[in-house]
N, C-alpha and C. Protein backbone atom coordinates (compact mmCIF):
# COMPACT_ATOMS: atom_id res chain seq x y z
N UNK A 1 0.99 -1.47 -0.23
CA UNK A 1 -0.14 -0.24 0.11
C UNK A 1 1.05 1.60 -0.21
N UNK A 2 2.10 1.09 0.25
CA UNK A 2 3.47 2.39 0.68
C UNK A 2 3.86 2.62 -0.32
N UNK A 3 4.12 1.63 -1.43
CA UNK A 3 4.33 1.51 -2.58
C UNK A 3 3.66 2.39 -3.32
N UNK A 4 1.94 1.98 -3.04
CA UNK A 4 0.98 2.52 -4.27
C UNK A 4 0.83 3.51 -4.22
N UNK A 5 0.93 4.50 -2.73
CA UNK A 5 0.32 5.91 -2.17
C UNK A 5 1.38 7.11 -2.91
N UNK A 6 3.31 6.14 -2.94
CA UNK A 6 4.08 6.51 -3.81
C UNK A 6 4.39 6.75 -4.86
N UNK A 7 3.92 5.76 -5.72
CA UNK A 7 3.89 6.31 -6.84
C UNK A 7 2.63 7.04 -7.01
N UNK A 8 1.42 7.13 -6.80
CA UNK A 8 0.42 8.02 -7.16
C UNK A 8 0.90 9.43 -6.71
N UNK A 9 1.48 9.52 -6.15
CA UNK A 9 2.48 11.40 -5.24
C UNK A 9 2.96 11.01 -6.17
N UNK A 10 3.83 11.30 -6.76
CA UNK A 10 4.94 11.30 -7.99
C UNK A 10 4.48 11.41 -9.11
N UNK A 11 3.24 10.58 -9.54
CA UNK A 11 2.47 10.89 -10.98
C UNK A 11 1.69 11.76 -10.91
N UNK A 12 0.65 11.76 -9.78
CA UNK A 12 0.29 13.61 -9.18
C UNK A 12 1.59 14.94 -9.43
N UNK A 13 2.74 14.45 -9.42
CA UNK A 13 3.46 15.97 -8.86
C UNK A 13 4.08 16.27 -10.56
N UNK A 14 4.38 14.45 -11.08
CA UNK A 14 4.59 14.89 -12.96
C UNK A 14 3.35 15.55 -13.54
N UNK A 15 2.29 15.68 -13.18
CA UNK A 15 1.17 15.59 -13.88
C UNK A 15 0.96 17.37 -13.79
N UNK A 16 1.39 17.47 -12.34
CA UNK A 16 2.16 19.00 -12.13
C UNK A 16 2.67 20.09 -12.64
N UNK A 17 3.81 19.06 -12.67
CA UNK A 17 5.38 19.35 -13.72
C UNK A 17 4.55 20.12 -15.03
N UNK A 18 4.12 18.98 -15.91
CA UNK A 18 3.85 18.85 -17.62
C UNK A 18 3.29 19.79 -17.07
N UNK A 19 1.59 20.17 -17.03
CA UNK A 19 0.69 21.64 -16.50
C UNK A 19 1.38 22.44 -16.23
N UNK A 20 2.36 22.99 -16.16
CA UNK A 20 2.60 24.39 -15.59
C UNK A 20 3.71 24.55 -16.63
N UNK A 21 4.02 23.75 -17.46
CA UNK A 21 5.28 24.00 -18.74
C UNK A 21 4.55 23.05 -19.16
N UNK A 22 3.76 22.96 -19.42
CA UNK A 22 2.65 23.44 -21.10
C UNK A 22 2.20 24.58 -20.88
N UNK A 23 1.94 25.45 -19.53
CA UNK A 23 1.29 26.56 -19.58
C UNK A 23 1.76 27.80 -19.66
N UNK A 24 3.78 27.05 -19.33
CA UNK A 24 4.46 28.44 -19.64
C UNK A 24 4.99 28.52 -21.08
N UNK A 25 4.90 27.08 -22.21
CA UNK A 25 5.46 27.67 -23.16
C UNK A 25 4.47 27.77 -23.68
N UNK A 26 2.90 27.85 -23.06
CA UNK A 26 2.23 28.57 -24.49
C UNK A 26 1.61 29.80 -24.16
N UNK A 27 2.34 29.99 -22.87
CA UNK A 27 2.39 31.88 -22.56
C UNK A 27 3.73 32.16 -23.20
N UNK A 28 4.73 31.79 -23.69
CA UNK A 28 6.02 32.26 -24.08
C UNK A 28 5.51 32.30 -25.68
N UNK A 29 4.85 31.34 -26.28
CA UNK A 29 4.64 31.32 -27.64
C UNK A 29 3.63 32.97 -27.99
N UNK A 30 2.60 33.00 -27.43
CA UNK A 30 1.96 33.97 -26.73
C UNK A 30 2.46 35.24 -27.29
N UNK A 31 3.72 35.62 -25.87
CA UNK A 31 4.29 36.88 -25.17
C UNK A 31 4.67 36.94 -27.06
N UNK A 32 5.50 36.03 -27.25
CA UNK A 32 7.11 36.14 -28.34
C UNK A 32 6.12 36.59 -29.81
N UNK A 33 4.54 35.96 -29.81
CA UNK A 33 4.05 36.39 -31.17
C UNK A 33 3.32 37.46 -31.22
N UNK A 34 2.95 38.37 -30.05
CA UNK A 34 2.30 39.49 -29.49
C UNK A 34 3.66 40.35 -30.53
N UNK A 35 5.10 40.04 -29.16
CA UNK A 35 6.09 40.94 -29.36
C UNK A 35 6.54 41.05 -30.75
N UNK A 36 6.70 40.14 -31.73
CA UNK A 36 6.77 40.09 -33.07
C UNK A 36 6.37 41.00 -33.54
N UNK A 37 4.67 40.76 -33.95
CA UNK A 37 4.00 41.29 -34.28
C UNK A 37 3.85 42.91 -34.12
N UNK A 38 3.90 43.83 -33.02
CA UNK A 38 4.26 44.70 -32.31
C UNK A 38 5.50 45.49 -33.34
N UNK A 39 6.41 44.89 -33.17
CA UNK A 39 7.72 45.11 -33.57
C UNK A 39 7.98 45.17 -35.26
N UNK A 40 6.57 44.47 -36.03
CA UNK A 40 6.29 44.78 -37.51
C UNK A 40 5.72 45.43 -38.07
N UNK A 41 4.80 45.80 -37.19
CA UNK A 41 3.54 46.93 -37.13
C UNK A 41 4.94 48.01 -37.32
N UNK A 42 5.75 48.22 -36.06
CA UNK A 42 6.30 49.76 -35.88
C UNK A 42 7.17 49.66 -36.90
N UNK A 43 7.85 48.38 -37.67
CA UNK A 43 8.99 48.27 -39.11
C UNK A 43 8.23 49.01 -40.14
N UNK A 44 7.24 48.52 -40.33
CA UNK A 44 6.30 48.62 -42.06
C UNK A 44 5.57 50.16 -41.43
N UNK A 45 5.76 51.02 -40.72
CA UNK A 45 5.31 52.21 -40.03
C UNK A 45 6.55 53.57 -40.36
N UNK A 46 7.45 53.15 -39.89
CA UNK A 46 8.69 53.45 -40.64
C UNK A 46 9.81 53.29 -41.55
N UNK A 47 9.27 52.46 -42.49
CA UNK A 47 9.90 52.43 -44.10
C UNK A 47 10.70 50.50 -43.98
N UNK A 48 11.00 49.88 -43.36
CA UNK A 48 11.88 48.65 -42.42
C UNK A 48 11.25 48.11 -42.22
N UNK A 49 12.04 46.68 -43.43
CA UNK A 49 11.40 45.54 -43.89
C UNK A 49 11.16 44.41 -42.36
N UNK A 50 12.18 44.98 -41.80
CA UNK A 50 12.13 44.16 -40.37
C UNK A 50 13.09 42.21 -40.14
N UNK A 51 13.19 42.30 -41.62
CA UNK A 51 13.65 41.12 -41.61
C UNK A 51 15.42 40.59 -41.59
N UNK A 52 15.73 40.61 -39.95
CA UNK A 52 16.85 40.60 -40.25
C UNK A 52 16.72 38.69 -40.17
N UNK A 53 17.07 38.25 -40.62
CA UNK A 53 17.96 36.75 -40.99
C UNK A 53 19.23 36.61 -41.44
N UNK A 54 19.49 35.72 -40.67
CA UNK A 54 21.66 36.04 -40.56
C UNK A 54 21.72 34.41 -41.34
């Protein structure tokens, strides 16, 4: 019984880590897309192309 409780405890912890990590990745991607859109809009207003691929 102790093994099952320990296993379930670690499984719950793993699920929590996965959910928090997924939320952080989603939020990071959303913020990055928003920032890129703002930079592209500001660049088009000033006449810059905004493409700095190396």
